[in-house]
C-alpha atoms as a PDB file:
ATOM      1  CA  MET A   1     -86.228   4.763  75.126  1.00  0.00           C
ATOM      2  CA  LYS A   2     -87.767   8.084  76.233  1.00  0.00           C
ATOM      3  CA  LYS A   3     -87.636  11.159  74.064  1.00  0.00           C
ATOM      4  CA  GLU A   4     -85.525  12.985  76.631  1.00  0.00           C
ATOM      5  CA  TRP A   5     -82.876  10.196  76.619  1.00  0.00           C
ATOM      6  CA  ILE A   6     -80.686  11.963  74.078  1.00  0.00           C
ATOM      7  CA  GLN A   7     -80.626  15.280  75.914  1.00  0.00           C
ATOM      8  CA  LYS A   8     -79.785  13.532  79.167  1.00  0.00           C
ATOM      9  CA  ASN A   9     -77.040  11.221  77.773  1.00  0.00           C
ATOM     10  CA  ILE A  10     -75.294  13.157  74.910  1.00  0.00           C
ATOM     11  CA  SER A  11     -73.720  16.557  75.412  1.00  0.00           C
ATOM     12  CA  PRO A  12     -74.788  19.273  72.926  1.00  0.00           C
ATOM     13  CA  ASN A  13     -71.160  19.768  71.783  1.00  0.00           C
ATOM     14  CA  LEU A  14     -70.762  16.093  70.976  1.00  0.00           C
ATOM     15  CA  LEU A  15     -74.108  16.154  69.174  1.00  0.00           C
ATOM     16  CA  LEU A  16     -72.976  19.079  66.996  1.00  0.00           C
ATOM     17  CA  LEU A  17     -69.622  17.421  66.126  1.00  0.00           C
ATOM     18  CA  SER A  18     -71.416  14.164  65.362  1.00  0.00           C
ATOM     19  CA  GLY A  19     -73.858  16.037  63.156  1.00  0.00           C
ATOM     20  CA  VAL A  20     -70.980  17.455  61.117  1.00  0.00           C
ATOM     21  CA  LEU A  21     -69.524  13.970  60.658  1.00  0.00           C
ATOM     22  CA  LEU A  22     -72.936  12.574  59.600  1.00  0.00           C
ATOM     23  CA  ILE A  23     -73.403  15.460  57.125  1.00  0.00           C
ATOM     24  CA  ILE A  24     -70.169  14.461  55.438  1.00  0.00           C
ATOM     25  CA  THR A  25     -71.079  10.748  55.196  1.00  0.00           C
ATOM     26  CA  PHE A  26     -74.619  11.757  54.064  1.00  0.00           C
ATOM     27  CA  ILE A  27     -73.781  14.290  51.347  1.00  0.00           C
ATOM     28  CA  PHE A  28     -71.334  12.020  49.558  1.00  0.00           C
ATOM     29  CA  GLN A  29     -73.688   9.069  49.532  1.00  0.00           C
ATOM     30  CA  LYS A  30     -75.044   8.514  46.014  1.00  0.00           C
ATOM     31  CA  ASN A  31     -76.851   5.187  46.491  1.00  0.00           C
ATOM     32  CA  LEU A  32     -80.569   5.932  46.392  1.00  0.00           C
ATOM     33  CA  MET A  33     -81.696   3.138  48.748  1.00  0.00           C
ATOM     34  CA  VAL A  34     -78.967   3.802  51.286  1.00  0.00           C
ATOM     35  CA  LYS A  35     -79.797   7.511  51.222  1.00  0.00           C
ATOM     36  CA  ALA A  36     -83.466   6.743  51.973  1.00  0.00           C
ATOM     37  CA  VAL A  37     -82.444   4.482  54.887  1.00  0.00           C
ATOM     38  CA  GLN A  38     -80.206   7.289  56.222  1.00  0.00           C
ATOM     39  CA  VAL A  39     -83.103   9.760  56.050  1.00  0.00           C
ATOM     40  CA  PHE A  40     -85.290   7.425  58.092  1.00  0.00           C
ATOM     41  CA  LEU A  41     -82.454   7.032  60.636  1.00  0.00           C
ATOM     42  CA  PHE A  42     -82.200  10.819  61.004  1.00  0.00           C
ATOM     43  CA  MET A  43     -85.988  11.062  61.303  1.00  0.00           C
ATOM     44  CA  PHE A  44     -85.915   8.417  64.013  1.00  0.00           C
ATOM     45  CA  PHE A  45     -83.083  10.256  65.816  1.00  0.00           C
ATOM     46  CA  THR A  46     -85.135  13.481  65.562  1.00  0.00           C
ATOM     47  CA  PHE A  47     -88.042  11.697  67.205  1.00  0.00           C
ATOM     48  CA  LEU A  48     -85.812  10.434  70.018  1.00  0.00           C
ATOM     49  CA  ALA A  49     -84.528  13.990  70.499  1.00  0.00           C
ATOM     50  CA  GLY A  50     -88.089  15.080  71.256  1.00  0.00           C
ATOM     51  CA  ASN A  51     -88.769  16.939  67.973  1.00  0.00           C
ATOM     52  CA  LYS A  52     -91.768  16.520  65.747  1.00  0.00           C
ATOM     53  CA  ILE A  53     -91.556  14.582  62.490  1.00  0.00           C
ATOM     54  CA  LYS A  54     -93.475  16.384  59.686  1.00  0.00           C
ATOM     55  CA  LEU A  55     -94.017  13.674  57.104  1.00  0.00           C
ATOM     56  CA  LEU A  56     -96.395  15.689  54.945  1.00  0.00           C
ATOM     57  CA  ASN A  57     -93.912  18.599  54.672  1.00  0.00           C
ATOM     58  CA  SER A  58     -91.114  16.185  53.865  1.00  0.00           C
ATOM     59  CA  PHE A  59     -93.245  14.488  51.182  1.00  0.00           C
ATOM     60  CA  LEU A  60     -94.165  17.878  49.638  1.00  0.00           C
ATOM     61  CA  ILE A  61     -90.507  19.024  49.560  1.00  0.00           C
ATOM     62  CA  LEU A  62     -89.462  15.757  47.948  1.00  0.00           C
ATOM     63  CA  THR A  63     -92.271  16.032  45.371  1.00  0.00           C
ATOM     64  CA  PHE A  64     -91.415  19.620  44.391  1.00  0.00           C
ATOM     65  CA  ILE A  65     -87.702  18.915  44.052  1.00  0.00           C
ATOM     66  CA  VAL A  66     -88.325  15.806  41.935  1.00  0.00           C
ATOM     67  CA  PHE A  67     -90.853  17.726  39.774  1.00  0.00           C
ATOM     68  CA  PHE A  68     -88.412  20.578  39.040  1.00  0.00           C
ATOM     69  CA  ASN A  69     -85.602  18.149  38.338  1.00  0.00           C
ATOM     70  CA  LEU A  70     -87.807  16.316  35.792  1.00  0.00           C
ATOM     71  CA  LEU A  71     -88.082  19.614  33.839  1.00  0.00           C
ATOM     72  CA  THR A  72     -84.575  18.942  32.540  1.00  0.00           C
ATOM     73  CA  PRO A  73     -84.897  15.399  31.065  1.00  0.00           C
ATOM     74  CA  ALA A  74     -81.789  13.230  31.049  1.00  0.00           C
ATOM     75  CA  GLY A  75     -81.215   9.546  30.435  1.00  0.00           C
ATOM     76  CA  ARG A  76     -83.560   6.833  29.234  1.00  0.00           C
ATOM     77  CA  VAL A  77     -87.252   7.722  28.967  1.00  0.00           C
ATOM     78  CA  LEU A  78     -89.234   5.627  31.431  1.00  0.00           C
ATOM     79  CA  PHE A  79     -92.741   6.816  30.402  1.00  0.00           C
ATOM     80  CA  TYR A  80     -94.596   9.900  29.167  1.00  0.00           C
ATOM     81  CA  PHE A  81     -96.881  11.979  31.383  1.00  0.00           C
ATOM     82  CA  GLY A  82     -98.981  13.379  28.576  1.00  0.00           C
ATOM     83  CA  ILE A  83     -96.331  14.808  26.245  1.00  0.00           C
ATOM     84  CA  PHE A  84     -93.889  15.271  29.085  1.00  0.00           C
ATOM     85  CA  PRO A  85     -91.060  12.634  29.214  1.00  0.00           C
ATOM     86  CA  VAL A  86     -90.100  11.200  32.581  1.00  0.00           C
ATOM     87  CA  THR A  87     -86.491  10.097  32.311  1.00  0.00           C
ATOM     88  CA  GLU A  88     -84.513   7.730  34.503  1.00  0.00           C
ATOM     89  CA  LEU A  89     -81.555   9.933  35.320  1.00  0.00           C
ATOM     90  CA  ALA A  90     -83.668  13.041  36.003  1.00  0.00           C
ATOM     91  CA  LEU A  91     -85.983  11.061  38.268  1.00  0.00           C
ATOM     92  CA  SER A  92     -83.193   9.385  40.277  1.00  0.00           C
ATOM     93  CA  ASN A  93     -81.227  12.642  40.599  1.00  0.00           C
ATOM     94  CA  GLY A  94     -84.383  14.464  41.732  1.00  0.00           C
ATOM     95  CA  ILE A  95     -85.072  11.881  44.379  1.00  0.00           C
ATOM     96  CA  ILE A  96     -81.471  11.970  45.648  1.00  0.00           C
ATOM     97  CA  LYS A  97     -81.494  15.770  45.802  1.00  0.00           C
ATOM     98  CA  GLY A  98     -84.843  15.708  47.635  1.00  0.00           C
ATOM     99  CA  LEU A  99     -83.657  13.130  50.144  1.00  0.00           C
ATOM    100  CA  THR A 100     -80.454  15.046  50.702  1.00  0.00           C
ATOM    101  CA  PHE A 101     -82.392  18.236  51.481  1.00  0.00           C
ATOM    102  CA  ILE A 102     -84.751  16.417  53.850  1.00  0.00           C
ATOM    103  CA  GLY A 103     -81.884  14.529  55.561  1.00  0.00           C
ATOM    104  CA  LEU A 104     -79.932  17.725  56.113  1.00  0.00           C
ATOM    105  CA  PHE A 105     -83.001  19.360  57.587  1.00  0.00           C
ATOM    106  CA  TYR A 106     -83.433  16.578  60.151  1.00  0.00           C
ATOM    107  CA  ILE A 107     -79.746  16.533  61.003  1.00  0.00           C
ATOM    108  CA  SER A 108     -79.839  20.253  61.735  1.00  0.00           C
ATOM    109  CA  LYS A 109     -83.082  19.832  63.694  1.00  0.00           C
ATOM    110  CA  SER A 110     -81.806  17.107  65.982  1.00  0.00           C
ATOM    111  CA  PHE A 111     -78.016  17.653  66.170  1.00  0.00           C
ATOM    112  CA  ILE A 112     -77.960  21.453  66.710  1.00  0.00           C
ATOM    113  CA  GLY A 113     -79.052  22.180  70.302  1.00  0.00           C
ATOM    114  CA  ARG A 114     -79.418  25.374  72.298  1.00  0.00           C
ATOM    115  CA  ASN A 115     -76.907  24.407  74.960  1.00  0.00           C
ATOM    116  CA  ILE A 116     -73.766  24.303  72.786  1.00  0.00           C
ATOM    117  CA  ASN A 117     -70.860  25.694  74.777  1.00  0.00           C
ATOM    118  CA  PHE A 118     -67.481  26.273  73.217  1.00  0.00           C
ATOM    119  CA  PRO A 119     -64.698  28.044  75.090  1.00  0.00           C
ATOM    120  CA  GLY A 120     -63.382  31.540  74.360  1.00  0.00           C
ATOM    121  CA  THR A 121     -64.935  34.628  72.802  1.00  0.00           C
ATOM    122  CA  PHE A 122     -65.269  32.969  69.390  1.00  0.00           C
ATOM    123  CA  GLY A 123     -66.822  29.920  71.075  1.00  0.00           C
ATOM    124  CA  ARG A 124     -69.371  32.080  72.819  1.00  0.00           C
ATOM    125  CA  LEU A 125     -70.293  33.735  69.553  1.00  0.00           C
ATOM    126  CA  ILE A 126     -70.820  30.354  67.893  1.00  0.00           C
ATOM    127  CA  SER A 127     -72.840  29.143  70.883  1.00  0.00           C
ATOM    128  CA  ARG A 128     -75.070  32.221  70.736  1.00  0.00           C
ATOM    129  CA  THR A 129     -75.512  31.856  66.972  1.00  0.00           C
ATOM    130  CA  PHE A 130     -76.692  28.274  67.307  1.00  0.00           C
ATOM    131  CA  TYR A 131     -78.974  29.296  70.179  1.00  0.00           C
ATOM    132  CA  TYR A 132     -80.651  31.950  68.060  1.00  0.00           C
ATOM    133  CA  LEU A 133     -80.945  29.571  65.083  1.00  0.00           C
ATOM    134  CA  ASN A 134     -82.521  26.892  67.322  1.00  0.00           C
ATOM    135  CA  GLU A 135     -84.995  29.313  68.867  1.00  0.00           C
ATOM    136  CA  LEU A 136     -85.982  30.867  65.539  1.00  0.00           C
ATOM    137  CA  THR A 137     -86.870  27.507  64.031  1.00  0.00           C
ATOM    138  CA  LYS A 138     -89.212  26.772  66.922  1.00  0.00           C
ATOM    139  CA  GLU A 139     -91.331  29.842  66.395  1.00  0.00           C
ATOM    140  CA  LYS A 140     -94.262  30.136  64.014  1.00  0.00           C
ATOM    141  CA  LEU A 141     -95.436  33.115  62.021  1.00  0.00           C
ATOM    142  CA  SER A 142     -98.380  34.726  63.768  1.00  0.00           C
ATOM    143  CA  SER A 143     -99.851  36.054  60.504  1.00  0.00           C
ATOM    144  CA  MET A 144     -99.429  34.808  56.926  1.00  0.00           C
ATOM    145  CA  LYS A 145    -100.886  38.101  55.659  1.00  0.00           C
ATOM    146  CA  GLU A 146     -98.001  40.090  57.143  1.00  0.00           C
ATOM    147  CA  PRO A 147     -95.000  37.666  57.130  1.00  0.00           C
ATOM    148  CA  ILE A 148     -92.379  40.419  57.474  1.00  0.00           C
ATOM    149  CA  LYS A 149     -94.000  41.835  60.549  1.00  0.00           C
ATOM    150  CA  SER A 150     -94.458  38.368  62.084  1.00  0.00           C
ATOM    151  CA  LEU A 151     -90.843  37.491  61.386  1.00  0.00           C
ATOM    152  CA  ASP A 152     -89.760  40.777  62.999  1.00  0.00           C
ATOM    153  CA  GLU A 153     -91.827  39.967  66.104  1.00  0.00           C
ATOM    154  CA  ILE A 154     -90.233  36.518  66.308  1.00  0.00           C
ATOM    155  CA  MET A 155     -86.687  37.915  66.033  1.00  0.00           C
ATOM    156  CA  LEU A 156     -87.349  40.481  68.708  1.00  0.00           C
ATOM    157  CA  LYS A 157     -88.855  37.880  70.990  1.00  0.00           C
ATOM    158  CA  VAL A 158     -85.823  35.615  70.613  1.00  0.00           C
ATOM    159  CA  TYR A 159     -83.351  38.497  70.947  1.00  0.00           C
ATOM    160  CA  TYR A 160     -84.902  39.728  74.218  1.00  0.00           C
ATOM    161  CA  SER A 161     -85.311  36.283  75.742  1.00  0.00           C
ATOM    162  CA  PRO A 162     -83.916  36.003  79.298  1.00  0.00           C
ATOM    163  CA  ASN A 163     -81.241  33.446  78.441  1.00  0.00           C
ATOM    164  CA  LYS A 164     -79.126  34.978  75.644  1.00  0.00           C
ATOM    165  CA  THR A 165     -76.304  32.516  75.958  1.00  0.00           C
ATOM    166  CA  GLY A 166     -78.639  29.634  75.339  1.00  0.00           C
ATOM    167  CA  ILE A 167     -76.925  27.519  78.024  1.00  0.00           C
ATOM    168  CA  THR A 168     -79.463  26.254  80.487  1.00  0.00           C
ATOM    169  CA  ASP A 169     -77.595  23.309  81.914  1.00  0.00           C
ATOM    170  CA  PHE A 170     -74.459  21.255  81.229  1.00  0.00           C
ATOM    171  CA  VAL A 171     -74.783  17.711  80.086  1.00  0.00           C
ATOM    172  CA  THR A 172     -71.961  15.214  80.059  1.00  0.00           C
ATOM    173  CA  THR A 173     -72.056  12.289  77.714  1.00  0.00           C
ATOM    174  CA  SER A 174     -72.807   8.970  79.398  1.00  0.00           C
ATOM    175  CA  PRO A 175     -71.200   5.677  78.195  1.00  0.00           C
ATOM    176  CA  GLN A 176     -74.563   4.705  76.707  1.00  0.00           C
ATOM    177  CA  GLY A 177     -74.687   8.010  74.871  1.00  0.00           C
ATOM    178  CA  ILE A 178     -71.113   7.448  73.444  1.00  0.00           C
ATOM    179  CA  THR A 179     -72.116   3.938  72.350  1.00  0.00           C
ATOM    180  CA  PHE A 180     -75.293   5.163  70.680  1.00  0.00           C
ATOM    181  CA  ILE A 181     -73.753   8.105  68.805  1.00  0.00           C
ATOM    182  CA  SER A 182     -70.678   6.037  67.826  1.00  0.00           C
ATOM    183  CA  ALA A 183     -72.914   3.310  66.387  1.00  0.00           C
ATOM    184  CA  LEU A 184     -74.801   5.928  64.328  1.00  0.00           C
ATOM    185  CA  ILE A 185     -71.614   7.425  62.913  1.00  0.00           C
ATOM    186  CA  ILE A 186     -70.124   3.958  62.223  1.00  0.00           C
ATOM    187  CA  ILE A 187     -73.244   2.735  60.411  1.00  0.00           C
ATOM    188  CA  ASN A 188     -73.342   5.828  58.157  1.00  0.00           C
ATOM    189  CA  THR A 189     -69.569   5.565  57.498  1.00  0.00           C
ATOM    190  CA  VAL A 190     -69.905   1.887  56.505  1.00  0.00           C
ATOM    191  CA  PHE A 191     -72.806   2.852  54.240  1.00  0.00           C
ATOM    192  CA  LEU A 192     -70.583   5.375  52.498  1.00  0.00           C
ATOM    193  CA  LEU A 193     -67.587   3.032  52.136  1.00  0.00           C
ATOM    194  CA  LEU A 194     -69.672   0.107  50.828  1.00  0.00           C
ATOM    195  CA  TYR A 195     -72.440   1.640  48.806  1.00  0.00           C
ATOM    196  CA  ARG A 196     -71.352   5.053  47.446  1.00  0.00           C
END
């Protein structure tokens, strides 16, 4: 399956609606192993959507969230790191919170496209908002010494881009695309019903 397959077979509107459904099934999932599987599914989907997977960044985010969660010990003590107790509940809650953050990041990265097109004035406003969000996340700061100035340059660049609507082409969902996205939603819904 080529990276461009998702963009060619699933409409941006369907992707967004599917992303919302997946967020619901993902947030309410409390089983640690299932949550980890879901994160890998979202990472794989992000890869298929042609976006980069940043494993090191994901690992660092998970590590920091777990570390700060361990600062409030709860549950049975598993072991001591020096004089610092590592407790079972704090550790599992930290991992779940970290995985949730990472999963939501990859959902937003792969399910929110620039070509979203909803009807009406309010729909155009939503479409433009998602376009700006999508474009802003693609840009990198030109200087870490002057982050405010770099951020300002990025925002001006995106604002004055030629295509303000964000709609470059219209994609209709193919039967294969419906099958693929339906399977993804069904799998995550079954995970929630069986393992929450």
